[in-house]
Amino acid sequence: MSPMKKRNAKPTSLYLLTVSGSPDPRSQSSRLLNSFRFLSTVKVIPSVDIATLPLYQPAKDRAPWPTPILTWRKQWADAVAVVISTPAYLDNLPGPLKNALDWLATSGEAGGKSVLPITFPPSLPRGKHVMQSLLWSLQALGARVPASLPLAQPDLNFTDNGDIVAGENRDFLVAALELLC
């Protein structure tokens, strides 16, 4: 299917795709994204484990694609919007996240897709450069970025069930999600 057809395809179900720049399910980025099931008015689905995607090489970006690549691309195509939360590794994007985004470069699923990028380092302004790098990648993919959120881990508190404690920061995240969906 051509990239233009994918960009104009209607999602088969209404869901928000979450992508953690840290593939560790115990990471703070993954924890933040898991809390979105309490914040979003649409179903929230975590992406394929981006650490399982093969290393992107243009010469290998052709059929038959590995199953994880097909799943990754379909998740993007079918999502109503995408939220990416990432830590800063050496003040830049984690390798697995950059690799995962590279796999979207030729297929078109990110084109026109609403994406909310979030940096979630232990302290600010530590995520400043990673946010810029992520925004450049999303721009190159043709994604629509209505807002970006630099958050510091100490600014959010979680309840025992994984929700974000009620307050200004939770309200801010709910408002940001409403911009997407």
N, C-alpha and C. Protein backbone atom coordinates (compact mmCIF):
# COMPACT_ATOMS: atom_id res chain seq x y z
N MET A 1 0.85 -1.17 0.00
CA MET A 1 0.00 0.00 0.00
C MET A 1 0.89 1.23 0.00
N SER A 2 0.52 2.23 -0.75
CA SER A 2 1.33 3.44 -0.85
C SER A 2 1.23 4.26 0.43
N PRO A 3 2.26 5.09 0.73
CA PRO A 3 2.21 5.93 1.92
C PRO A 3 1.00 6.85 1.93
N MET A 4 0.57 7.37 0.78
CA MET A 4 -0.58 8.27 0.74
C MET A 4 -1.86 7.54 1.16
N LYS A 5 -2.02 6.32 0.72
CA LYS A 5 -3.21 5.56 1.09
C LYS A 5 -3.23 5.31 2.59
N LYS A 6 -2.08 5.00 3.18
CA LYS A 6 -2.01 4.76 4.61
C LYS A 6 -2.33 6.03 5.39
N ARG A 7 -1.85 7.17 4.94
CA ARG A 7 -2.10 8.42 5.64
C ARG A 7 -3.59 8.74 5.68
N ASN A 8 -4.31 8.38 4.64
CA ASN A 8 -5.72 8.72 4.56
C ASN A 8 -6.64 7.60 5.05
N ALA A 9 -6.07 6.49 5.46
CA ALA A 9 -6.88 5.37 5.92
C ALA A 9 -7.53 5.70 7.26
N LYS A 10 -8.76 5.24 7.44
CA LYS A 10 -9.48 5.45 8.69
C LYS A 10 -9.05 4.38 9.70
N PRO A 11 -8.88 4.77 10.98
CA PRO A 11 -8.55 3.77 11.99
C PRO A 11 -9.66 2.73 12.09
N THR A 12 -9.27 1.47 12.32
CA THR A 12 -10.26 0.41 12.44
C THR A 12 -10.89 0.41 13.83
N SER A 13 -10.25 0.96 14.82
CA SER A 13 -10.81 1.11 16.15
C SER A 13 -10.24 2.38 16.76
N LEU A 14 -10.95 2.91 17.72
CA LEU A 14 -10.54 4.16 18.31
C LEU A 14 -9.66 3.88 19.52
N TYR A 15 -8.36 4.11 19.38
CA TYR A 15 -7.47 3.95 20.53
C TYR A 15 -6.30 4.91 20.45
N LEU A 16 -5.74 5.16 21.62
CA LEU A 16 -4.56 5.98 21.79
C LEU A 16 -3.38 5.04 21.95
N LEU A 17 -2.39 5.17 21.10
CA LEU A 17 -1.19 4.33 21.16
C LEU A 17 -0.17 5.02 22.05
N THR A 18 0.40 4.28 23.00
CA THR A 18 1.46 4.83 23.84
C THR A 18 2.77 4.13 23.50
N VAL A 19 3.83 4.93 23.40
CA VAL A 19 5.15 4.43 23.04
C VAL A 19 6.14 4.89 24.10
N SER A 20 6.77 3.95 24.76
CA SER A 20 7.76 4.28 25.78
C SER A 20 9.15 4.25 25.17
N GLY A 21 9.87 5.35 25.32
CA GLY A 21 11.25 5.41 24.85
C GLY A 21 12.17 4.50 25.64
N SER A 22 11.70 4.06 26.79
CA SER A 22 12.43 3.10 27.60
C SER A 22 11.66 1.79 27.57
N PRO A 23 12.19 0.79 26.89
CA PRO A 23 11.45 -0.47 26.76
C PRO A 23 11.23 -1.23 28.07
N ASP A 24 11.91 -0.83 29.14
CA ASP A 24 11.74 -1.50 30.43
C ASP A 24 10.35 -1.19 30.97
N PRO A 25 9.50 -2.20 31.17
CA PRO A 25 8.14 -1.94 31.65
C PRO A 25 8.10 -1.33 33.05
N ARG A 26 9.22 -1.37 33.77
CA ARG A 26 9.29 -0.77 35.12
C ARG A 26 9.83 0.65 35.09
N SER A 27 10.15 1.17 33.90
CA SER A 27 10.72 2.51 33.80
C SER A 27 9.69 3.57 34.15
N GLN A 28 10.16 4.77 34.47
CA GLN A 28 9.26 5.87 34.79
C GLN A 28 8.43 6.28 33.57
N SER A 29 9.02 6.24 32.38
CA SER A 29 8.25 6.56 31.17
C SER A 29 7.12 5.56 30.96
N SER A 30 7.40 4.29 31.15
CA SER A 30 6.36 3.26 31.01
C SER A 30 5.29 3.43 32.08
N ARG A 31 5.70 3.76 33.29
CA ARG A 31 4.74 3.99 34.38
C ARG A 31 3.81 5.17 34.04
N LEU A 32 4.39 6.25 33.54
CA LEU A 32 3.59 7.41 33.16
C LEU A 32 2.57 7.02 32.09
N LEU A 33 3.02 6.33 31.06
CA LEU A 33 2.12 5.94 29.97
C LEU A 33 1.03 4.98 30.45
N ASN A 34 1.36 4.09 31.37
CA ASN A 34 0.34 3.18 31.92
C ASN A 34 -0.75 3.95 32.65
N SER A 35 -0.42 5.09 33.23
CA SER A 35 -1.42 5.89 33.94
C SER A 35 -2.42 6.53 33.00
N PHE A 36 -2.12 6.60 31.73
CA PHE A 36 -3.01 7.26 30.78
C PHE A 36 -4.34 6.53 30.62
N ARG A 37 -4.40 5.27 31.00
CA ARG A 37 -5.68 4.56 30.93
C ARG A 37 -6.70 5.20 31.86
N PHE A 38 -6.24 5.93 32.88
CA PHE A 38 -7.13 6.65 33.78
C PHE A 38 -7.45 8.06 33.27
N LEU A 39 -6.63 8.58 32.36
CA LEU A 39 -6.75 9.97 31.94
C LEU A 39 -7.45 10.15 30.61
N SER A 40 -7.43 9.15 29.76
CA SER A 40 -7.94 9.27 28.40
C SER A 40 -9.40 8.85 28.30
N THR A 41 -10.11 9.50 27.40
CA THR A 41 -11.51 9.13 27.14
C THR A 41 -11.60 8.01 26.11
N VAL A 42 -10.48 7.68 25.47
CA VAL A 42 -10.45 6.57 24.52
C VAL A 42 -9.56 5.46 25.07
N LYS A 43 -9.72 4.28 24.52
CA LYS A 43 -8.92 3.13 24.93
C LYS A 43 -7.43 3.43 24.73
N VAL A 44 -6.61 2.98 25.65
CA VAL A 44 -5.16 3.18 25.58
C VAL A 44 -4.50 1.82 25.36
N ILE A 45 -3.65 1.75 24.32
CA ILE A 45 -2.95 0.51 23.99
C ILE A 45 -1.45 0.78 23.94
N PRO A 46 -0.65 0.01 24.68
CA PRO A 46 0.80 0.17 24.57
C PRO A 46 1.31 -0.42 23.26
N SER A 47 2.35 0.19 22.74
CA SER A 47 2.92 -0.28 21.47
C SER A 47 3.66 -1.59 21.66
N VAL A 48 3.97 -2.19 20.53
CA VAL A 48 4.85 -3.34 20.51
C VAL A 48 6.13 -2.94 21.25
N ASP A 49 6.80 -3.89 21.87
CA ASP A 49 8.06 -3.61 22.56
C ASP A 49 9.08 -3.16 21.52
N ILE A 50 9.42 -1.87 21.54
CA ILE A 50 10.30 -1.34 20.49
C ILE A 50 11.70 -1.95 20.52
N ALA A 51 12.07 -2.56 21.63
CA ALA A 51 13.38 -3.22 21.70
C ALA A 51 13.41 -4.48 20.85
N THR A 52 12.25 -4.99 20.43
CA THR A 52 12.21 -6.20 19.60
C THR A 52 12.32 -5.89 18.11
N LEU A 53 12.26 -4.62 17.74
CA LEU A 53 12.34 -4.27 16.32
C LEU A 53 13.77 -4.44 15.82
N PRO A 54 13.95 -5.03 14.65
CA PRO A 54 15.30 -5.17 14.11
C PRO A 54 15.90 -3.80 13.80
N LEU A 55 17.20 -3.76 13.74
CA LEU A 55 17.90 -2.52 13.42
C LEU A 55 17.50 -2.05 12.03
N TYR A 56 17.07 -0.79 11.94
CA TYR A 56 16.62 -0.25 10.66
C TYR A 56 17.80 -0.10 9.70
N GLN A 57 17.60 -0.59 8.49
CA GLN A 57 18.54 -0.39 7.39
C GLN A 57 17.69 -0.21 6.14
N PRO A 58 17.89 0.87 5.39
CA PRO A 58 17.06 1.11 4.21
C PRO A 58 16.99 -0.09 3.26
N ALA A 59 18.08 -0.81 3.11
CA ALA A 59 18.09 -1.95 2.19
C ALA A 59 17.18 -3.09 2.67
N LYS A 60 16.88 -3.12 3.98
CA LYS A 60 16.00 -4.17 4.52
C LYS A 60 14.56 -3.72 4.67
N ASP A 61 14.28 -2.48 4.26
CA ASP A 61 12.92 -1.95 4.38
C ASP A 61 12.10 -2.32 3.14
N ARG A 62 11.85 -3.62 3.00
CA ARG A 62 11.06 -4.13 1.87
C ARG A 62 10.45 -5.47 2.28
N ALA A 63 9.41 -5.85 1.55
CA ALA A 63 8.72 -7.11 1.83
C ALA A 63 9.66 -8.29 1.61
N PRO A 64 9.54 -9.31 2.39
CA PRO A 64 8.62 -9.47 3.51
C PRO A 64 9.20 -8.84 4.79
N TRP A 65 8.40 -7.98 5.42
CA TRP A 65 8.84 -7.33 6.65
C TRP A 65 8.66 -8.28 7.82
N PRO A 66 9.53 -8.17 8.82
CA PRO A 66 9.36 -9.00 10.02
C PRO A 66 8.04 -8.65 10.73
N THR A 67 7.45 -9.61 11.40
CA THR A 67 6.18 -9.41 12.09
C THR A 67 6.20 -8.22 13.05
N PRO A 68 7.25 -8.01 13.86
CA PRO A 68 7.23 -6.84 14.75
C PRO A 68 7.12 -5.51 13.99
N ILE A 69 7.70 -5.43 12.80
CA ILE A 69 7.61 -4.20 11.99
C ILE A 69 6.18 -4.02 11.49
N LEU A 70 5.57 -5.09 11.00
CA LEU A 70 4.19 -5.01 10.53
C LEU A 70 3.25 -4.60 11.66
N THR A 71 3.47 -5.16 12.85
CA THR A 71 2.64 -4.82 14.01
C THR A 71 2.83 -3.36 14.39
N TRP A 72 4.08 -2.91 14.46
CA TRP A 72 4.42 -1.52 14.79
C TRP A 72 3.73 -0.55 13.83
N ARG A 73 3.86 -0.81 12.56
CA ARG A 73 3.27 0.08 11.56
C ARG A 73 1.74 0.06 11.62
N LYS A 74 1.15 -1.10 11.83
CA LYS A 74 -0.31 -1.20 11.92
C LYS A 74 -0.82 -0.46 13.15
N GLN A 75 -0.10 -0.58 14.26
CA GLN A 75 -0.52 0.14 15.46
C GLN A 75 -0.57 1.65 15.20
N TRP A 76 0.44 2.17 14.54
CA TRP A 76 0.45 3.60 14.21
C TRP A 76 -0.68 3.94 13.25
N ALA A 77 -0.88 3.13 12.24
CA ALA A 77 -1.91 3.40 11.24
C ALA A 77 -3.30 3.41 11.86
N ASP A 78 -3.56 2.50 12.79
CA ASP A 78 -4.89 2.35 13.36
C ASP A 78 -5.17 3.27 14.54
N ALA A 79 -4.15 3.83 15.16
CA ALA A 79 -4.34 4.69 16.33
C ALA A 79 -4.95 6.03 15.95
N VAL A 80 -5.83 6.53 16.81
CA VAL A 80 -6.38 7.86 16.59
C VAL A 80 -5.32 8.92 16.89
N ALA A 81 -4.40 8.60 17.81
CA ALA A 81 -3.29 9.50 18.17
C ALA A 81 -2.23 8.67 18.89
N VAL A 82 -1.06 9.28 19.08
CA VAL A 82 0.07 8.59 19.70
C VAL A 82 0.67 9.49 20.78
N VAL A 83 1.03 8.88 21.91
CA VAL A 83 1.77 9.58 22.96
C VAL A 83 3.11 8.87 23.11
N ILE A 84 4.19 9.63 23.04
CA ILE A 84 5.53 9.09 23.23
C ILE A 84 6.10 9.72 24.49
N SER A 85 6.54 8.89 25.42
CA SER A 85 7.22 9.37 26.62
C SER A 85 8.62 8.78 26.63
N THR A 86 9.60 9.64 26.84
CA THR A 86 10.97 9.14 26.77
C THR A 86 11.88 9.79 27.80
N PRO A 87 12.83 9.01 28.31
CA PRO A 87 13.89 9.59 29.11
C PRO A 87 14.94 10.18 28.17
N ALA A 88 15.96 10.75 28.75
CA ALA A 88 17.08 11.27 27.96
C ALA A 88 18.28 10.37 28.19
N TYR A 89 18.78 9.76 27.14
CA TYR A 89 20.00 8.96 27.21
C TYR A 89 21.11 9.76 26.55
N LEU A 90 22.10 10.11 27.31
CA LEU A 90 23.18 10.97 26.82
C LEU A 90 22.61 12.23 26.18
N ASP A 91 21.53 12.74 26.80
CA ASP A 91 20.88 13.97 26.35
C ASP A 91 20.28 13.84 24.96
N ASN A 92 19.91 12.62 24.58
CA ASN A 92 19.33 12.39 23.26
C ASN A 92 18.31 11.25 23.33
N LEU A 93 17.72 10.93 22.18
CA LEU A 93 16.75 9.84 22.11
C LEU A 93 17.40 8.50 22.42
N PRO A 94 16.72 7.64 23.16
CA PRO A 94 17.21 6.28 23.34
C PRO A 94 17.27 5.58 21.98
N GLY A 95 18.27 4.74 21.78
CA GLY A 95 18.45 4.04 20.51
C GLY A 95 17.22 3.28 20.03
N PRO A 96 16.55 2.50 20.91
CA PRO A 96 15.38 1.76 20.44
C PRO A 96 14.25 2.67 19.92
N LEU A 97 14.08 3.84 20.53
CA LEU A 97 13.03 4.76 20.06
C LEU A 97 13.39 5.34 18.71
N LYS A 98 14.62 5.77 18.54
CA LYS A 98 15.05 6.32 17.24
C LYS A 98 14.92 5.26 16.15
N ASN A 99 15.33 4.04 16.46
CA ASN A 99 15.22 2.94 15.50
C ASN A 99 13.76 2.69 15.13
N ALA A 100 12.87 2.69 16.12
CA ALA A 100 11.44 2.46 15.86
C ALA A 100 10.87 3.54 14.96
N LEU A 101 11.24 4.79 15.21
CA LEU A 101 10.75 5.88 14.37
C LEU A 101 11.31 5.77 12.95
N ASP A 102 12.55 5.32 12.82
CA ASP A 102 13.14 5.12 11.49
C ASP A 102 12.31 4.15 10.66
N TRP A 103 11.72 3.12 11.29
CA TRP A 103 10.91 2.14 10.57
C TRP A 103 9.62 2.74 10.02
N LEU A 104 9.26 3.96 10.44
CA LEU A 104 8.06 4.62 9.92
C LEU A 104 8.38 5.58 8.78
N ALA A 105 9.65 5.77 8.49
CA ALA A 105 10.07 6.80 7.53
C ALA A 105 9.52 6.60 6.12
N THR A 106 9.49 5.39 5.64
CA THR A 106 9.09 5.16 4.25
C THR A 106 7.65 4.69 4.09
N SER A 107 7.02 4.30 5.19
CA SER A 107 5.70 3.68 5.08
C SER A 107 4.53 4.64 5.29
N GLY A 108 4.76 5.79 5.89
CA GLY A 108 3.75 6.84 5.94
C GLY A 108 2.76 6.83 7.09
N GLU A 109 2.84 5.91 8.03
CA GLU A 109 1.84 5.84 9.09
C GLU A 109 1.84 7.07 10.00
N ALA A 110 2.96 7.73 10.15
CA ALA A 110 3.03 8.89 11.05
C ALA A 110 2.56 10.17 10.37
N GLY A 111 2.45 10.16 9.05
CA GLY A 111 2.05 11.36 8.31
C GLY A 111 0.67 11.84 8.73
N GLY A 112 0.60 13.05 9.26
CA GLY A 112 -0.67 13.63 9.69
C GLY A 112 -1.19 13.11 11.02
N LYS A 113 -0.50 12.16 11.62
CA LYS A 113 -0.94 11.58 12.89
C LYS A 113 -0.67 12.56 14.02
N SER A 114 -1.65 12.75 14.91
CA SER A 114 -1.46 13.59 16.10
C SER A 114 -0.59 12.85 17.10
N VAL A 115 0.51 13.51 17.51
CA VAL A 115 1.46 12.89 18.43
C VAL A 115 1.75 13.88 19.57
N LEU A 116 1.72 13.37 20.79
CA LEU A 116 2.10 14.15 21.96
C LEU A 116 3.43 13.62 22.47
N PRO A 117 4.53 14.36 22.23
CA PRO A 117 5.83 13.93 22.77
C PRO A 117 6.00 14.44 24.20
N ILE A 118 6.48 13.55 25.06
CA ILE A 118 6.73 13.89 26.46
C ILE A 118 8.15 13.45 26.80
N THR A 119 8.91 14.36 27.38
CA THR A 119 10.19 13.95 27.97
C THR A 119 9.95 13.82 29.46
N PHE A 120 10.54 12.78 30.06
CA PHE A 120 10.27 12.48 31.47
C PHE A 120 11.55 12.10 32.20
N PRO A 121 12.51 13.04 32.25
CA PRO A 121 13.77 12.78 32.94
C PRO A 121 13.63 13.02 34.45
N PRO A 122 14.65 12.65 35.23
CA PRO A 122 14.60 12.89 36.67
C PRO A 122 14.53 14.38 37.04
N SER A 123 15.06 15.24 36.18
CA SER A 123 15.00 16.68 36.46
C SER A 123 15.07 17.45 35.15
N LEU A 124 14.53 18.66 35.19
CA LEU A 124 14.61 19.56 34.03
C LEU A 124 15.75 20.54 34.27
N PRO A 125 16.42 21.01 33.26
CA PRO A 125 16.10 20.93 31.84
C PRO A 125 16.74 19.75 31.13
N ARG A 126 17.04 18.70 31.85
CA ARG A 126 17.76 17.56 31.28
C ARG A 126 17.14 17.02 29.99
N GLY A 127 15.84 17.08 29.82
CA GLY A 127 15.20 16.55 28.63
C GLY A 127 15.10 17.51 27.47
N LYS A 128 15.69 18.70 27.60
CA LYS A 128 15.55 19.73 26.56
C LYS A 128 16.05 19.26 25.19
N HIS A 129 17.23 18.68 25.15
CA HIS A 129 17.80 18.26 23.87
C HIS A 129 17.10 17.03 23.29
N VAL A 130 16.68 16.12 24.16
CA VAL A 130 15.96 14.95 23.66
C VAL A 130 14.62 15.37 23.07
N MET A 131 13.98 16.37 23.67
CA MET A 131 12.71 16.86 23.11
C MET A 131 12.95 17.44 21.72
N GLN A 132 14.01 18.23 21.57
CA GLN A 132 14.29 18.81 20.25
C GLN A 132 14.55 17.72 19.21
N SER A 133 15.31 16.71 19.60
CA SER A 133 15.60 15.60 18.69
C SER A 133 14.31 14.85 18.31
N LEU A 134 13.45 14.62 19.30
CA LEU A 134 12.19 13.94 19.04
C LEU A 134 11.29 14.77 18.13
N LEU A 135 11.24 16.07 18.36
CA LEU A 135 10.43 16.95 17.50
C LEU A 135 10.95 16.96 16.07
N TRP A 136 12.27 16.95 15.90
CA TRP A 136 12.84 16.89 14.55
C TRP A 136 12.43 15.59 13.85
N SER A 137 12.52 14.48 14.57
CA SER A 137 12.14 13.19 13.98
C SER A 137 10.66 13.18 13.60
N LEU A 138 9.81 13.67 14.49
CA LEU A 138 8.37 13.70 14.20
C LEU A 138 8.06 14.62 13.03
N GLN A 139 8.76 15.73 12.94
CA GLN A 139 8.58 16.65 11.81
C GLN A 139 8.97 15.96 10.50
N ALA A 140 10.09 15.25 10.51
CA ALA A 140 10.54 14.55 9.31
C ALA A 140 9.53 13.47 8.89
N LEU A 141 8.82 12.90 9.86
CA LEU A 141 7.81 11.88 9.56
C LEU A 141 6.48 12.48 9.14
N GLY A 142 6.34 13.80 9.25
CA GLY A 142 5.10 14.46 8.87
C GLY A 142 4.00 14.38 9.92
N ALA A 143 4.37 14.08 11.16
CA ALA A 143 3.38 14.00 12.24
C ALA A 143 2.88 15.39 12.62
N ARG A 144 1.69 15.42 13.18
CA ARG A 144 1.11 16.66 13.70
C ARG A 144 1.35 16.68 15.20
N VAL A 145 2.01 17.73 15.69
CA VAL A 145 2.35 17.82 17.11
C VAL A 145 1.65 19.05 17.70
N PRO A 146 0.45 18.86 18.29
CA PRO A 146 -0.29 20.00 18.82
C PRO A 146 0.30 20.57 20.10
N ALA A 147 1.10 19.76 20.81
CA ALA A 147 1.74 20.21 22.05
C ALA A 147 2.88 19.27 22.36
N SER A 148 3.81 19.74 23.17
CA SER A 148 4.88 18.88 23.68
C SER A 148 5.02 19.18 25.17
N LEU A 149 5.36 18.15 25.94
CA LEU A 149 5.40 18.30 27.39
C LEU A 149 6.74 17.88 27.97
N PRO A 150 7.51 18.83 28.48
CA PRO A 150 8.68 18.46 29.27
C PRO A 150 8.24 18.30 30.72
N LEU A 151 8.30 17.09 31.23
CA LEU A 151 7.91 16.82 32.61
C LEU A 151 9.11 16.28 33.38
N ALA A 152 9.17 16.59 34.65
CA ALA A 152 10.20 16.03 35.52
C ALA A 152 9.56 14.98 36.42
N GLN A 153 10.23 13.88 36.62
CA GLN A 153 9.68 12.78 37.41
C GLN A 153 9.19 13.21 38.80
N PRO A 154 9.92 14.06 39.53
CA PRO A 154 9.44 14.44 40.87
C PRO A 154 8.14 15.26 40.86
N ASP A 155 7.75 15.79 39.70
CA ASP A 155 6.54 16.61 39.62
C ASP A 155 5.26 15.79 39.59
N LEU A 156 5.36 14.47 39.38
CA LEU A 156 4.17 13.62 39.32
C LEU A 156 4.22 12.59 40.43
N ASN A 157 3.09 12.39 41.06
CA ASN A 157 2.94 11.36 42.07
C ASN A 157 1.86 10.40 41.61
N PHE A 158 2.06 9.13 41.90
CA PHE A 158 1.15 8.09 41.45
C PHE A 158 0.42 7.45 42.64
N THR A 159 -0.82 7.06 42.39
CA THR A 159 -1.58 6.33 43.41
C THR A 159 -1.15 4.87 43.39
N ASP A 160 -1.63 4.11 44.35
CA ASP A 160 -1.28 2.69 44.42
C ASP A 160 -1.75 1.90 43.20
N ASN A 161 -2.86 2.36 42.57
CA ASN A 161 -3.37 1.63 41.40
C ASN A 161 -2.77 2.11 40.08
N GLY A 162 -1.84 3.09 40.13
CA GLY A 162 -1.15 3.54 38.93
C GLY A 162 -1.67 4.82 38.33
N ASP A 163 -2.73 5.39 38.89
CA ASP A 163 -3.25 6.67 38.41
C ASP A 163 -2.32 7.79 38.89
N ILE A 164 -2.47 8.95 38.29
CA ILE A 164 -1.72 10.13 38.75
C ILE A 164 -2.56 10.82 39.82
N VAL A 165 -1.92 11.22 40.91
CA VAL A 165 -2.61 11.88 42.01
C VAL A 165 -3.31 13.14 41.48
N ALA A 166 -4.56 13.34 41.93
CA ALA A 166 -5.36 14.49 41.51
C ALA A 166 -4.62 15.79 41.82
N GLY A 167 -4.75 16.72 40.89
CA GLY A 167 -4.12 18.02 41.07
C GLY A 167 -3.82 18.67 39.73
N GLU A 168 -3.07 19.75 39.80
CA GLU A 168 -2.77 20.55 38.61
C GLU A 168 -2.05 19.75 37.51
N ASN A 169 -1.07 18.94 37.89
CA ASN A 169 -0.32 18.17 36.88
C ASN A 169 -1.21 17.14 36.18
N ARG A 170 -2.08 16.49 36.93
CA ARG A 170 -3.00 15.52 36.33
C ARG A 170 -3.96 16.24 35.37
N ASP A 171 -4.49 17.37 35.81
CA ASP A 171 -5.40 18.15 34.96
C ASP A 171 -4.70 18.61 33.68
N PHE A 172 -3.44 18.97 33.80
CA PHE A 172 -2.64 19.40 32.66
C PHE A 172 -2.51 18.27 31.64
N LEU A 173 -2.24 17.06 32.12
CA LEU A 173 -2.11 15.90 31.22
C LEU A 173 -3.44 15.56 30.56
N VAL A 174 -4.53 15.64 31.30
CA VAL A 174 -5.85 15.37 30.72
C VAL A 174 -6.13 16.37 29.60
N ALA A 175 -5.82 17.65 29.83
CA ALA A 175 -6.04 18.68 28.80
C ALA A 175 -5.18 18.41 27.57
N ALA A 176 -3.94 17.98 27.78
CA ALA A 176 -3.06 17.67 26.64
C ALA A 176 -3.61 16.51 25.83
N LEU A 177 -4.14 15.50 26.49
CA LEU A 177 -4.73 14.36 25.78
C LEU A 177 -5.97 14.77 25.00
N GLU A 178 -6.73 15.71 25.54
CA GLU A 178 -7.92 16.18 24.83
C GLU A 178 -7.55 16.89 23.53
N LEU A 179 -6.37 17.48 23.47
CA LEU A 179 -5.90 18.10 22.23
C LEU A 179 -5.68 17.06 21.13
N LEU A 180 -5.37 15.84 21.53
CA LEU A 180 -5.06 14.78 20.58
C LEU A 180 -6.30 14.10 20.01
N CYS A 181 -7.27 13.83 20.85
CA CYS A 181 -8.40 12.97 20.45
C CYS A 181 -9.67 13.75 20.21
